[in-house]
Amino acid sequence: MRLGYINIFVSNLARSVQFYTEVLGFKLDAFEPEFGYAPLKGGAVPLALAEDLSGQFVGIHTGVGLIVDDLDAAYQTLSAQGVHFDLVPTRQPWGGDLALFQDPDGNVFYLDNGAHPD
């Protein structure tokens, strides 16, 4: 078993595409509003936004980690753009540092410096 893709459920596809491309820096691969789907480019694992008009799956903790070279700088940049952080960059008990932020629908993501001590 391996990770094949990640879909993030959103309530407004256009607003979320703007957030993921303009704020987080992912590249839009396709915009398919008729299907409520927008695949993005930006890493080894495919990521897509899936519109959920029922609201059944929106705003759930995703557990998706986004790796950055400089956690403090990324935190400052995203904060300045109005991104809400539930956890500011903080040293974790396992020795790494991470922060938790939300997208416009309340999906929670890890912002991680990728330094995971053995």
PDB file of N, CA and C in Angstrom:
ATOM      1  N   MET A   1       0.838  -1.165   0.000  1.00  0.00           N
ATOM      2  CA  MET A   1       0.000   0.000   0.000  1.00  0.00           C
ATOM      3  C   MET A   1       0.887   1.232   0.000  1.00  0.00           C
ATOM      4  N   ARG A   2       0.495   2.243  -0.785  1.00  0.00           N
ATOM      5  CA  ARG A   2       1.248   3.498  -0.821  1.00  0.00           C
ATOM      6  C   ARG A   2       0.284   4.654  -1.012  1.00  0.00           C
ATOM      7  N   LEU A   3       0.712   5.786  -0.676  1.00  0.00           N
ATOM      8  CA  LEU A   3      -0.109   6.971  -0.840  1.00  0.00           C
ATOM      9  C   LEU A   3      -0.207   7.304  -2.311  1.00  0.00           C
ATOM     10  N   GLY A   4      -1.419   7.408  -2.853  1.00  0.00           N
ATOM     11  CA  GLY A   4      -1.603   7.671  -4.268  1.00  0.00           C
ATOM     12  C   GLY A   4      -2.001   9.093  -4.577  1.00  0.00           C
ATOM     13  N   TYR A   5      -2.828   9.701  -3.731  1.00  0.00           N
ATOM     14  CA  TYR A   5      -3.274  11.070  -3.943  1.00  0.00           C
ATOM     15  C   TYR A   5      -3.936  11.576  -2.673  1.00  0.00           C
ATOM     16  N   ILE A   6      -4.134  12.879  -2.624  1.00  0.00           N
ATOM     17  CA  ILE A   6      -4.825  13.509  -1.506  1.00  0.00           C
ATOM     18  C   ILE A   6      -5.893  14.421  -2.085  1.00  0.00           C
ATOM     19  N   ASN A   7      -7.142  14.245  -1.659  1.00  0.00           N
ATOM     20  CA  ASN A   7      -8.226  15.154  -1.999  1.00  0.00           C
ATOM     21  C   ASN A   7      -8.587  15.938  -0.751  1.00  0.00           C
ATOM     22  N   ILE A   8      -8.722  17.224  -0.900  1.00  0.00           N
ATOM     23  CA  ILE A   8      -9.136  18.082   0.196  1.00  0.00           C
ATOM     24  C   ILE A   8     -10.521  18.612  -0.158  1.00  0.00           C
ATOM     25  N   PHE A   9     -11.485  18.346   0.694  1.00  0.00           N
ATOM     26  CA  PHE A   9     -12.851  18.764   0.437  1.00  0.00           C
ATOM     27  C   PHE A   9     -13.047  20.216   0.852  1.00  0.00           C
ATOM     28  N   VAL A  10     -13.630  20.992  -0.055  1.00  0.00           N
ATOM     29  CA  VAL A  10     -13.806  22.429   0.146  1.00  0.00           C
ATOM     30  C   VAL A  10     -15.249  22.814  -0.174  1.00  0.00           C
ATOM     31  N   SER A  11     -15.672  23.946   0.366  1.00  0.00           N
ATOM     32  CA  SER A  11     -17.045  24.390   0.135  1.00  0.00           C
ATOM     33  C   SER A  11     -17.168  25.322  -1.062  1.00  0.00           C
ATOM     34  N   ASN A  12     -16.067  25.939  -1.469  1.00  0.00           N
ATOM     35  CA  ASN A  12     -16.096  26.880  -2.585  1.00  0.00           C
ATOM     36  C   ASN A  12     -14.833  26.656  -3.409  1.00  0.00           C
ATOM     37  N   LEU A  13     -14.985  26.007  -4.546  1.00  0.00           N
ATOM     38  CA  LEU A  13     -13.834  25.598  -5.342  1.00  0.00           C
ATOM     39  C   LEU A  13     -12.999  26.790  -5.801  1.00  0.00           C
ATOM     40  N   ALA A  14     -13.624  27.820  -6.329  1.00  0.00           N
ATOM     41  CA  ALA A  14     -12.880  28.980  -6.841  1.00  0.00           C
ATOM     42  C   ALA A  14     -12.089  29.661  -5.725  1.00  0.00           C
ATOM     43  N   ARG A  15     -12.715  29.863  -4.565  1.00  0.00           N
ATOM     44  CA  ARG A  15     -12.028  30.510  -3.434  1.00  0.00           C
ATOM     45  C   ARG A  15     -10.847  29.665  -2.979  1.00  0.00           C
ATOM     46  N   SER A  16     -11.044  28.353  -2.935  1.00  0.00           N
ATOM     47  CA  SER A  16      -9.973  27.464  -2.483  1.00  0.00           C
ATOM     48  C   SER A  16      -8.837  27.388  -3.489  1.00  0.00           C
ATOM     49  N   VAL A  17      -9.151  27.369  -4.775  1.00  0.00           N
ATOM     50  CA  VAL A  17      -8.095  27.399  -5.794  1.00  0.00           C
ATOM     51  C   VAL A  17      -7.253  28.648  -5.624  1.00  0.00           C
ATOM     52  N   GLN A  18      -7.884  29.777  -5.379  1.00  0.00           N
ATOM     53  CA  GLN A  18      -7.148  31.024  -5.164  1.00  0.00           C
ATOM     54  C   GLN A  18      -6.228  30.904  -3.952  1.00  0.00           C
ATOM     55  N   PHE A  19      -6.720  30.352  -2.836  1.00  0.00           N
ATOM     56  CA  PHE A  19      -5.913  30.200  -1.625  1.00  0.00           C
ATOM     57  C   PHE A  19      -4.723  29.275  -1.880  1.00  0.00           C
ATOM     58  N   TYR A  20      -4.979  28.122  -2.468  1.00  0.00           N
ATOM     59  CA  TYR A  20      -3.919  27.130  -2.657  1.00  0.00           C
ATOM     60  C   TYR A  20      -2.888  27.568  -3.694  1.00  0.00           C
ATOM     61  N   THR A  21      -3.288  28.365  -4.675  1.00  0.00           N
ATOM     62  CA  THR A  21      -2.328  28.816  -5.681  1.00  0.00           C
ATOM     63  C   THR A  21      -1.654  30.121  -5.273  1.00  0.00           C
ATOM     64  N   GLU A  22      -2.433  31.123  -4.889  1.00  0.00           N
ATOM     65  CA  GLU A  22      -1.863  32.442  -4.608  1.00  0.00           C
ATOM     66  C   GLU A  22      -1.210  32.554  -3.243  1.00  0.00           C
ATOM     67  N   VAL A  23      -1.741  31.873  -2.242  1.00  0.00           N
ATOM     68  CA  VAL A  23      -1.179  31.971  -0.885  1.00  0.00           C
ATOM     69  C   VAL A  23      -0.149  30.872  -0.629  1.00  0.00           C
ATOM     70  N   LEU A  24      -0.498  29.617  -0.958  1.00  0.00           N
ATOM     71  CA  LEU A  24       0.409  28.508  -0.654  1.00  0.00           C
ATOM     72  C   LEU A  24       1.385  28.200  -1.790  1.00  0.00           C
ATOM     73  N   GLY A  25       1.118  28.690  -3.009  1.00  0.00           N
ATOM     74  CA  GLY A  25       2.076  28.548  -4.097  1.00  0.00           C
ATOM     75  C   GLY A  25       1.974  27.291  -4.940  1.00  0.00           C
ATOM     76  N   PHE A  26       0.899  26.507  -4.797  1.00  0.00           N
ATOM     77  CA  PHE A  26       0.720  25.353  -5.672  1.00  0.00           C
ATOM     78  C   PHE A  26       0.349  25.829  -7.073  1.00  0.00           C
ATOM     79  N   LYS A  27       0.612  25.015  -8.070  1.00  0.00           N
ATOM     80  CA  LYS A  27       0.265  25.333  -9.459  1.00  0.00           C
ATOM     81  C   LYS A  27      -1.027  24.597  -9.806  1.00  0.00           C
ATOM     82  N   LEU A  28      -1.923  25.295 -10.485  1.00  0.00           N
ATOM     83  CA  LEU A  28      -3.184  24.699 -10.915  1.00  0.00           C
ATOM     84  C   LEU A  28      -2.935  23.820 -12.128  1.00  0.00           C
ATOM     85  N   ASP A  29      -3.317  22.560 -12.037  1.00  0.00           N
ATOM     86  CA  ASP A  29      -3.157  21.620 -13.140  1.00  0.00           C
ATOM     87  C   ASP A  29      -4.376  21.686 -14.059  1.00  0.00           C
ATOM     88  N   ALA A  30      -5.557  21.785 -13.462  1.00  0.00           N
ATOM     89  CA  ALA A  30      -6.805  21.894 -14.228  1.00  0.00           C
ATOM     90  C   ALA A  30      -7.862  22.495 -13.315  1.00  0.00           C
ATOM     91  N   PHE A  31      -8.824  23.166 -13.909  1.00  0.00           N
ATOM     92  CA  PHE A  31      -9.948  23.722 -13.148  1.00  0.00           C
ATOM     93  C   PHE A  31     -11.212  23.177 -13.785  1.00  0.00           C
ATOM     94  N   GLU A  32     -11.897  22.288 -13.067  1.00  0.00           N
ATOM     95  CA  GLU A  32     -13.061  21.594 -13.604  1.00  0.00           C
ATOM     96  C   GLU A  32     -14.281  21.863 -12.725  1.00  0.00           C
ATOM     97  N   PRO A  33     -14.805  23.110 -12.762  1.00  0.00           N
ATOM     98  CA  PRO A  33     -15.923  23.445 -11.879  1.00  0.00           C
ATOM     99  C   PRO A  33     -17.168  22.600 -12.134  1.00  0.00           C
ATOM    100  N   GLU A  34     -17.347  22.125 -13.367  1.00  0.00           N
ATOM    101  CA  GLU A  34     -18.518  21.287 -13.653  1.00  0.00           C
ATOM    102  C   GLU A  34     -18.469  19.955 -12.905  1.00  0.00           C
ATOM    103  N   PHE A  35     -17.274  19.535 -12.533  1.00  0.00           N
ATOM    104  CA  PHE A  35     -17.101  18.316 -11.746  1.00  0.00           C
ATOM    105  C   PHE A  35     -16.759  18.620 -10.287  1.00  0.00           C
ATOM    106  N   GLY A  36     -16.606  19.908  -9.962  1.00  0.00           N
ATOM    107  CA  GLY A  36     -16.226  20.280  -8.601  1.00  0.00           C
ATOM    108  C   GLY A  36     -14.851  19.786  -8.230  1.00  0.00           C
ATOM    109  N   TYR A  37     -13.896  19.896  -9.166  1.00  0.00           N
ATOM    110  CA  TYR A  37     -12.581  19.286  -8.955  1.00  0.00           C
ATOM    111  C   TYR A  37     -11.492  20.154  -9.556  1.00  0.00           C
ATOM    112  N   ALA A  38     -10.377  20.274  -8.839  1.00  0.00           N
ATOM    113  CA  ALA A  38      -9.238  21.049  -9.319  1.00  0.00           C
ATOM    114  C   ALA A  38      -7.937  20.393  -8.864  1.00  0.00           C
ATOM    115  N   PRO A  39      -7.295  19.608  -9.735  1.00  0.00           N
ATOM    116  CA  PRO A  39      -5.997  19.033  -9.380  1.00  0.00           C
ATOM    117  C   PRO A  39      -4.909  20.104  -9.386  1.00  0.00           C
ATOM    118  N   LEU A  40      -3.958  19.961  -8.458  1.00  0.00           N
ATOM    119  CA  LEU A  40      -2.864  20.917  -8.301  1.00  0.00           C
ATOM    120  C   LEU A  40      -1.533  20.207  -8.472  1.00  0.00           C
ATOM    121  N   LYS A  41      -0.506  20.976  -8.835  1.00  0.00           N
ATOM    122  CA  LYS A  41       0.861  20.464  -8.904  1.00  0.00           C
ATOM    123  C   LYS A  41       1.658  21.110  -7.786  1.00  0.00           C
ATOM    124  N   GLY A  42       2.640  20.386  -7.256  1.00  0.00           N
ATOM    125  CA  GLY A  42       3.463  20.984  -6.227  1.00  0.00           C
ATOM    126  C   GLY A  42       4.254  19.998  -5.414  1.00  0.00           C
ATOM    127  N   GLY A  43       4.300  18.761  -5.840  1.00  0.00           N
ATOM    128  CA  GLY A  43       5.063  17.787  -5.086  1.00  0.00           C
ATOM    129  C   GLY A  43       4.906  16.401  -5.665  1.00  0.00           C
ATOM    130  N   ALA A  44       5.480  15.429  -4.983  1.00  0.00           N
ATOM    131  CA  ALA A  44       5.481  14.051  -5.466  1.00  0.00           C
ATOM    132  C   ALA A  44       4.119  13.383  -5.331  1.00  0.00           C
ATOM    133  N   VAL A  45       3.297  13.836  -4.403  1.00  0.00           N
ATOM    134  CA  VAL A  45       1.986  13.244  -4.189  1.00  0.00           C
ATOM    135  C   VAL A  45       0.931  14.167  -4.792  1.00  0.00           C
ATOM    136  N   PRO A  46       0.110  13.663  -5.715  1.00  0.00           N
ATOM    137  CA  PRO A  46      -0.931  14.502  -6.309  1.00  0.00           C
ATOM    138  C   PRO A  46      -1.906  15.021  -5.257  1.00  0.00           C
ATOM    139  N   LEU A  47      -2.262  16.281  -5.392  1.00  0.00           N
ATOM    140  CA  LEU A  47      -3.187  16.952  -4.490  1.00  0.00           C
ATOM    141  C   LEU A  47      -4.305  17.547  -5.319  1.00  0.00           C
ATOM    142  N   ALA A  48      -5.536  17.377  -4.868  1.00  0.00           N
ATOM    143  CA  ALA A  48      -6.668  17.954  -5.596  1.00  0.00           C
ATOM    144  C   ALA A  48      -7.671  18.526  -4.614  1.00  0.00           C
ATOM    145  N   LEU A  49      -8.382  19.553  -5.057  1.00  0.00           N
ATOM    146  CA  LEU A  49      -9.471  20.142  -4.294  1.00  0.00           C
ATOM    147  C   LEU A  49     -10.767  19.575  -4.846  1.00  0.00           C
ATOM    148  N   ALA A  50     -11.624  19.090  -3.954  1.00  0.00           N
ATOM    149  CA  ALA A  50     -12.902  18.518  -4.355  1.00  0.00           C
ATOM    150  C   ALA A  50     -14.022  19.283  -3.655  1.00  0.00           C
ATOM    151  N   GLU A  51     -14.890  19.895  -4.443  1.00  0.00           N
ATOM    152  CA  GLU A  51     -15.973  20.702  -3.877  1.00  0.00           C
ATOM    153  C   GLU A  51     -17.046  19.788  -3.293  1.00  0.00           C
ATOM    154  N   ASP A  52     -17.412  20.064  -2.042  1.00  0.00           N
ATOM    155  CA  ASP A  52     -18.438  19.292  -1.343  1.00  0.00           C
ATOM    156  C   ASP A  52     -19.546  20.249  -0.935  1.00  0.00           C
ATOM    157  N   LEU A  53     -20.545  20.393  -1.784  1.00  0.00           N
ATOM    158  CA  LEU A  53     -21.628  21.332  -1.518  1.00  0.00           C
ATOM    159  C   LEU A  53     -22.514  20.890  -0.360  1.00  0.00           C
ATOM    160  N   SER A  54     -22.472  19.623  -0.004  1.00  0.00           N
ATOM    161  CA  SER A  54     -23.269  19.135   1.121  1.00  0.00           C
ATOM    162  C   SER A  54     -22.656  19.543   2.458  1.00  0.00           C
ATOM    163  N   GLY A  55     -21.350  19.823   2.459  1.00  0.00           N
ATOM    164  CA  GLY A  55     -20.651  20.186   3.691  1.00  0.00           C
ATOM    165  C   GLY A  55     -20.314  19.000   4.573  1.00  0.00           C
ATOM    166  N   GLN A  56     -20.567  17.805   4.111  1.00  0.00           N
ATOM    167  CA  GLN A  56     -20.335  16.607   4.917  1.00  0.00           C
ATOM    168  C   GLN A  56     -18.864  16.369   5.223  1.00  0.00           C
ATOM    169  N   PHE A  57     -17.972  16.730   4.297  1.00  0.00           N
ATOM    170  CA  PHE A  57     -16.556  16.420   4.460  1.00  0.00           C
ATOM    171  C   PHE A  57     -15.679  17.656   4.641  1.00  0.00           C
ATOM    172  N   VAL A  58     -16.248  18.834   4.615  1.00  0.00           N
ATOM    173  CA  VAL A  58     -15.485  20.085   4.683  1.00  0.00           C
ATOM    174  C   VAL A  58     -15.071  20.391   6.112  1.00  0.00           C
ATOM    175  N   GLY A  59     -13.848  20.912   6.261  1.00  0.00           N
ATOM    176  CA  GLY A  59     -13.388  21.392   7.555  1.00  0.00           C
ATOM    177  C   GLY A  59     -12.936  20.309   8.507  1.00  0.00           C
ATOM    178  N   ILE A  60     -12.421  19.229   7.958  1.00  0.00           N
ATOM    179  CA  ILE A  60     -11.950  18.114   8.783  1.00  0.00           C
ATOM    180  C   ILE A  60     -10.423  18.132   8.803  1.00  0.00           C
ATOM    181  N   HIS A  61      -9.857  17.795   9.920  1.00  0.00           N
ATOM    182  CA  HIS A  61      -8.402  17.751  10.067  1.00  0.00           C
ATOM    183  C   HIS A  61      -7.818  16.798   9.030  1.00  0.00           C
ATOM    184  N   THR A  62      -6.988  17.316   8.146  1.00  0.00           N
ATOM    185  CA  THR A  62      -6.469  16.509   7.052  1.00  0.00           C
ATOM    186  C   THR A  62      -5.247  15.689   7.441  1.00  0.00           C
ATOM    187  N   GLY A  63      -4.402  16.210   8.317  1.00  0.00           N
ATOM    188  CA  GLY A  63      -3.171  15.511   8.658  1.00  0.00           C
ATOM    189  C   GLY A  63      -2.139  15.556   7.552  1.00  0.00           C
ATOM    190  N   VAL A  64      -2.272  16.491   6.649  1.00  0.00           N
ATOM    191  CA  VAL A  64      -1.337  16.634   5.542  1.00  0.00           C
ATOM    192  C   VAL A  64      -0.209  17.558   5.981  1.00  0.00           C
ATOM    193  N   GLY A  65       1.031  17.097   5.794  1.00  0.00           N
ATOM    194  CA  GLY A  65       2.195  17.894   6.170  1.00  0.00           C
ATOM    195  C   GLY A  65       2.814  18.577   4.971  1.00  0.00           C
ATOM    196  N   LEU A  66       3.033  19.865   5.075  1.00  0.00           N
ATOM    197  CA  LEU A  66       3.706  20.644   4.043  1.00  0.00           C
ATOM    198  C   LEU A  66       5.092  21.012   4.573  1.00  0.00           C
ATOM    199  N   ILE A  67       6.122  20.589   3.865  1.00  0.00           N
ATOM    200  CA  ILE A  67       7.503  20.781   4.304  1.00  0.00           C
ATOM    201  C   ILE A  67       8.037  22.094   3.756  1.00  0.00           C
ATOM    202  N   VAL A  68       8.679  22.874   4.614  1.00  0.00           N
ATOM    203  CA  VAL A  68       9.297  24.139   4.213  1.00  0.00           C
ATOM    204  C   VAL A  68      10.740  24.163   4.716  1.00  0.00           C
ATOM    205  N   ASP A  69      11.589  24.933   4.034  1.00  0.00           N
ATOM    206  CA  ASP A  69      12.993  25.040   4.446  1.00  0.00           C
ATOM    207  C   ASP A  69      13.151  25.872   5.704  1.00  0.00           C
ATOM    208  N   ASP A  70      12.356  26.933   5.835  1.00  0.00           N
ATOM    209  CA  ASP A  70      12.459  27.845   6.970  1.00  0.00           C
ATOM    210  C   ASP A  70      11.077  28.024   7.577  1.00  0.00           C
ATOM    211  N   LEU A  71      10.804  27.300   8.638  1.00  0.00           N
ATOM    212  CA  LEU A  71       9.479  27.293   9.253  1.00  0.00           C
ATOM    213  C   LEU A  71       9.075  28.681   9.749  1.00  0.00           C
ATOM    214  N   ASP A  72       9.971  29.374  10.418  1.00  0.00           N
ATOM    215  CA  ASP A  72       9.626  30.692  10.948  1.00  0.00           C
ATOM    216  C   ASP A  72       9.315  31.685   9.826  1.00  0.00           C
ATOM    217  N   ALA A  73      10.110  31.657   8.766  1.00  0.00           N
ATOM    218  CA  ALA A  73       9.866  32.566   7.634  1.00  0.00           C
ATOM    219  C   ALA A  73       8.540  32.241   6.958  1.00  0.00           C
ATOM    220  N   ALA A  74       8.242  30.962   6.764  1.00  0.00           N
ATOM    221  CA  ALA A  74       6.978  30.565   6.142  1.00  0.00           C
ATOM    222  C   ALA A  74       5.806  30.974   7.024  1.00  0.00           C
ATOM    223  N   TYR A  75       5.947  30.795   8.320  1.00  0.00           N
ATOM    224  CA  TYR A  75       4.900  31.214   9.255  1.00  0.00           C
ATOM    225  C   TYR A  75       4.650  32.718   9.154  1.00  0.00           C
ATOM    226  N   GLN A  76       5.714  33.504   9.151  1.00  0.00           N
ATOM    227  CA  GLN A  76       5.576  34.956   9.053  1.00  0.00           C
ATOM    228  C   GLN A  76       4.898  35.364   7.743  1.00  0.00           C
ATOM    229  N   THR A  77       5.315  34.760   6.639  1.00  0.00           N
ATOM    230  CA  THR A  77       4.751  35.082   5.327  1.00  0.00           C
ATOM    231  C   THR A  77       3.267  34.745   5.272  1.00  0.00           C
ATOM    232  N   LEU A  78       2.903  33.544   5.720  1.00  0.00           N
ATOM    233  CA  LEU A  78       1.503  33.127   5.670  1.00  0.00           C
ATOM    234  C   LEU A  78       0.644  33.933   6.639  1.00  0.00           C
ATOM    235  N   SER A  79       1.170  34.214   7.814  1.00  0.00           N
ATOM    236  CA  SER A  79       0.429  35.025   8.785  1.00  0.00           C
ATOM    237  C   SER A  79       0.130  36.405   8.221  1.00  0.00           C
ATOM    238  N   ALA A  80       1.116  36.980   7.543  1.00  0.00           N
ATOM    239  CA  ALA A  80       0.935  38.304   6.949  1.00  0.00           C
ATOM    240  C   ALA A  80      -0.139  38.297   5.861  1.00  0.00           C
ATOM    241  N   GLN A  81      -0.412  37.113   5.298  1.00  0.00           N
ATOM    242  CA  GLN A  81      -1.442  36.984   4.270  1.00  0.00           C
ATOM    243  C   GLN A  81      -2.791  36.573   4.863  1.00  0.00           C
ATOM    244  N   GLY A  82      -2.882  36.601   6.199  1.00  0.00           N
ATOM    245  CA  GLY A  82      -4.148  36.335   6.863  1.00  0.00           C
ATOM    246  C   GLY A  82      -4.444  34.880   7.160  1.00  0.00           C
ATOM    247  N   VAL A  83      -3.439  34.004   7.025  1.00  0.00           N
ATOM    248  CA  VAL A  83      -3.660  32.588   7.320  1.00  0.00           C
ATOM    249  C   VAL A  83      -3.797  32.423   8.832  1.00  0.00           C
ATOM    250  N   HIS A  84      -4.813  31.662   9.251  1.00  0.00           N
ATOM    251  CA  HIS A  84      -5.058  31.403  10.671  1.00  0.00           C
ATOM    252  C   HIS A  84      -4.240  30.204  11.138  1.00  0.00           C
ATOM    253  N   PHE A  85      -3.451  30.398  12.179  1.00  0.00           N
ATOM    254  CA  PHE A  85      -2.652  29.317  12.769  1.00  0.00           C
ATOM    255  C   PHE A  85      -3.249  28.915  14.118  1.00  0.00           C
ATOM    256  N   ASP A  86      -3.487  27.616  14.276  1.00  0.00           N
ATOM    257  CA  ASP A  86      -3.923  27.075  15.566  1.00  0.00           C
ATOM    258  C   ASP A  86      -2.735  26.819  16.474  1.00  0.00           C
ATOM    259  N   LEU A  87      -1.576  26.612  15.859  1.00  0.00           N
ATOM    260  CA  LEU A  87      -0.346  26.376  16.601  1.00  0.00           C
ATOM    261  C   LEU A  87       0.778  27.111  15.879  1.00  0.00           C
ATOM    262  N   VAL A  88       1.407  28.063  16.557  1.00  0.00           N
ATOM    263  CA  VAL A  88       2.555  28.768  15.987  1.00  0.00           C
ATOM    264  C   VAL A  88       3.734  27.801  15.952  1.00  0.00           C
ATOM    265  N   PRO A  89       4.800  28.102  15.208  1.00  0.00           N
ATOM    266  CA  PRO A  89       5.945  27.183  15.184  1.00  0.00           C
ATOM    267  C   PRO A  89       6.392  26.829  16.605  1.00  0.00           C
ATOM    268  N   THR A  90       6.365  25.538  16.881  1.00  0.00           N
ATOM    269  CA  THR A  90       6.610  25.055  18.237  1.00  0.00           C
ATOM    270  C   THR A  90       7.442  23.776  18.186  1.00  0.00           C
ATOM    271  N   ARG A  91       8.415  23.678  19.094  1.00  0.00           N
ATOM    272  CA  ARG A  91       9.215  22.462  19.233  1.00  0.00           C
ATOM    273  C   ARG A  91       8.312  21.353  19.749  1.00  0.00           C
ATOM    274  N   GLN A  92       8.370  20.203  19.099  1.00  0.00           N
ATOM    275  CA  GLN A  92       7.528  19.064  19.458  1.00  0.00           C
ATOM    276  C   GLN A  92       8.307  18.093  20.352  1.00  0.00           C
ATOM    277  N   PRO A  93       7.596  17.261  21.114  1.00  0.00           N
ATOM    278  CA  PRO A  93       8.271  16.322  22.012  1.00  0.00           C
ATOM    279  C   PRO A  93       9.245  15.391  21.295  1.00  0.00           C
ATOM    280  N   TRP A  94       9.015  15.096  20.013  1.00  0.00           N
ATOM    281  CA  TRP A  94       9.897  14.217  19.252  1.00  0.00           C
ATOM    282  C   TRP A  94      11.106  14.956  18.689  1.00  0.00           C
ATOM    283  N   GLY A  95      11.191  16.283  18.926  1.00  0.00           N
ATOM    284  CA  GLY A  95      12.384  17.038  18.575  1.00  0.00           C
ATOM    285  C   GLY A  95      12.278  17.933  17.366  1.00  0.00           C
ATOM    286  N   GLY A  96      11.268  17.741  16.524  1.00  0.00           N
ATOM    287  CA  GLY A  96      11.080  18.600  15.356  1.00  0.00           C
ATOM    288  C   GLY A  96      10.236  19.819  15.696  1.00  0.00           C
ATOM    289  N   ASP A  97      10.116  20.701  14.749  1.00  0.00           N
ATOM    290  CA  ASP A  97       9.291  21.896  14.905  1.00  0.00           C
ATOM    291  C   ASP A  97       8.171  21.863  13.881  1.00  0.00           C
ATOM    292  N   LEU A  98       6.974  22.314  14.282  1.00  0.00           N
ATOM    293  CA  LEU A  98       5.893  22.437  13.328  1.00  0.00           C
ATOM    294  C   LEU A  98       4.879  23.459  13.794  1.00  0.00           C
ATOM    295  N   ALA A  99       4.029  23.853  12.859  1.00  0.00           N
ATOM    296  CA  ALA A  99       2.926  24.762  13.121  1.00  0.00           C
ATOM    297  C   ALA A  99       1.683  24.160  12.474  1.00  0.00           C
ATOM    298  N   LEU A 100       0.521  24.529  12.959  1.00  0.00           N
ATOM    299  CA  LEU A 100      -0.739  24.066  12.387  1.00  0.00           C
ATOM    300  C   LEU A 100      -1.511  25.266  11.868  1.00  0.00           C
ATOM    301  N   PHE A 101      -1.981  25.181  10.629  1.00  0.00           N
ATOM    302  CA  PHE A 101      -2.781  26.263  10.065  1.00  0.00           C
ATOM    303  C   PHE A 101      -4.016  25.715   9.390  1.00  0.00           C
ATOM    304  N   GLN A 102      -4.954  26.630   9.105  1.00  0.00           N
ATOM    305  CA  GLN A 102      -6.211  26.253   8.469  1.00  0.00           C
ATOM    306  C   GLN A 102      -6.342  26.903   7.099  1.00  0.00           C
ATOM    307  N   ASP A 103      -6.995  26.175   6.195  1.00  0.00           N
ATOM    308  CA  ASP A 103      -7.380  26.780   4.923  1.00  0.00           C
ATOM    309  C   ASP A 103      -8.718  27.492   5.133  1.00  0.00           C
ATOM    310  N   PRO A 104      -9.307  28.129   4.115  1.00  0.00           N
ATOM    311  CA  PRO A 104     -10.553  28.872   4.315  1.00  0.00           C
ATOM    312  C   PRO A 104     -11.733  28.035   4.805  1.00  0.00           C
ATOM    313  N   ASP A 105     -11.690  26.708   4.638  1.00  0.00           N
ATOM    314  CA  ASP A 105     -12.782  25.862   5.107  1.00  0.00           C
ATOM    315  C   ASP A 105     -12.509  25.230   6.462  1.00  0.00           C
ATOM    316  N   GLY A 106     -11.382  25.552   7.092  1.00  0.00           N
ATOM    317  CA  GLY A 106     -11.064  25.004   8.396  1.00  0.00           C
ATOM    318  C   GLY A 106     -10.308  23.693   8.359  1.00  0.00           C
ATOM    319  N   ASN A 107      -9.896  23.235   7.158  1.00  0.00           N
ATOM    320  CA  ASN A 107      -9.048  22.049   7.085  1.00  0.00           C
ATOM    321  C   ASN A 107      -7.708  22.379   7.726  1.00  0.00           C
ATOM    322  N   VAL A 108      -7.232  21.525   8.612  1.00  0.00           N
ATOM    323  CA  VAL A 108      -5.994  21.781   9.346  1.00  0.00           C
ATOM    324  C   VAL A 108      -4.827  21.079   8.656  1.00  0.00           C
ATOM    325  N   PHE A 109      -3.730  21.821   8.505  1.00  0.00           N
ATOM    326  CA  PHE A 109      -2.515  21.306   7.881  1.00  0.00           C
ATOM    327  C   PHE A 109      -1.337  21.498   8.811  1.00  0.00           C
ATOM    328  N   TYR A 110      -0.331  20.643   8.637  1.00  0.00           N
ATOM    329  CA  TYR A 110       0.928  20.779   9.344  1.00  0.00           C
ATOM    330  C   TYR A 110       1.880  21.578   8.463  1.00  0.00           C
ATOM    331  N   LEU A 111       2.537  22.552   9.018  1.00  0.00           N
ATOM    332  CA  LEU A 111       3.632  23.249   8.361  1.00  0.00           C
ATOM    333  C   LEU A 111       4.878  22.797   9.094  1.00  0.00           C
ATOM    334  N   ASP A 112       5.758  22.111   8.394  1.00  0.00           N
ATOM    335  CA  ASP A 112       6.817  21.326   9.017  1.00  0.00           C
ATOM    336  C   ASP A 112       8.153  21.696   8.382  1.00  0.00           C
ATOM    337  N   ASN A 113       9.193  21.799   9.204  1.00  0.00           N
ATOM    338  CA  ASN A 113      10.514  22.107   8.657  1.00  0.00           C
ATOM    339  C   ASN A 113      11.234  20.874   8.142  1.00  0.00           C
ATOM    340  N   GLY A 114      10.626  19.703   8.283  1.00  0.00           N
ATOM    341  CA  GLY A 114      11.211  18.474   7.735  1.00  0.00           C
ATOM    342  C   GLY A 114      12.356  17.913   8.532  1.00  0.00           C
ATOM    343  N   ALA A 115      12.748  18.574   9.609  1.00  0.00           N
ATOM    344  CA  ALA A 115      13.857  18.085  10.444  1.00  0.00           C
ATOM    345  C   ALA A 115      13.281  17.151  11.501  1.00  0.00           C
ATOM    346  N   HIS A 116      13.403  15.863  11.230  1.00  0.00           N
ATOM    347  CA  HIS A 116      12.877  14.855  12.156  1.00  0.00           C
ATOM    348  C   HIS A 116      14.037  14.057  12.722  1.00  0.00           C
ATOM    349  N   PRO A 117      14.444  14.359  13.948  1.00  0.00           N
ATOM    350  CA  PRO A 117      15.570  13.644  14.550  1.00  0.00           C
ATOM    351  C   PRO A 117      15.281  12.151  14.648  1.00  0.00           C
ATOM    352  N   ASP A 118      16.316  11.373  14.531  1.00  0.00           N
ATOM    353  CA  ASP A 118      16.168   9.911  14.637  1.00  0.00           C
ATOM    354  C   ASP A 118      15.979   9.470  16.066  1.00  0.00           C
TER     355      ASP A 118
END
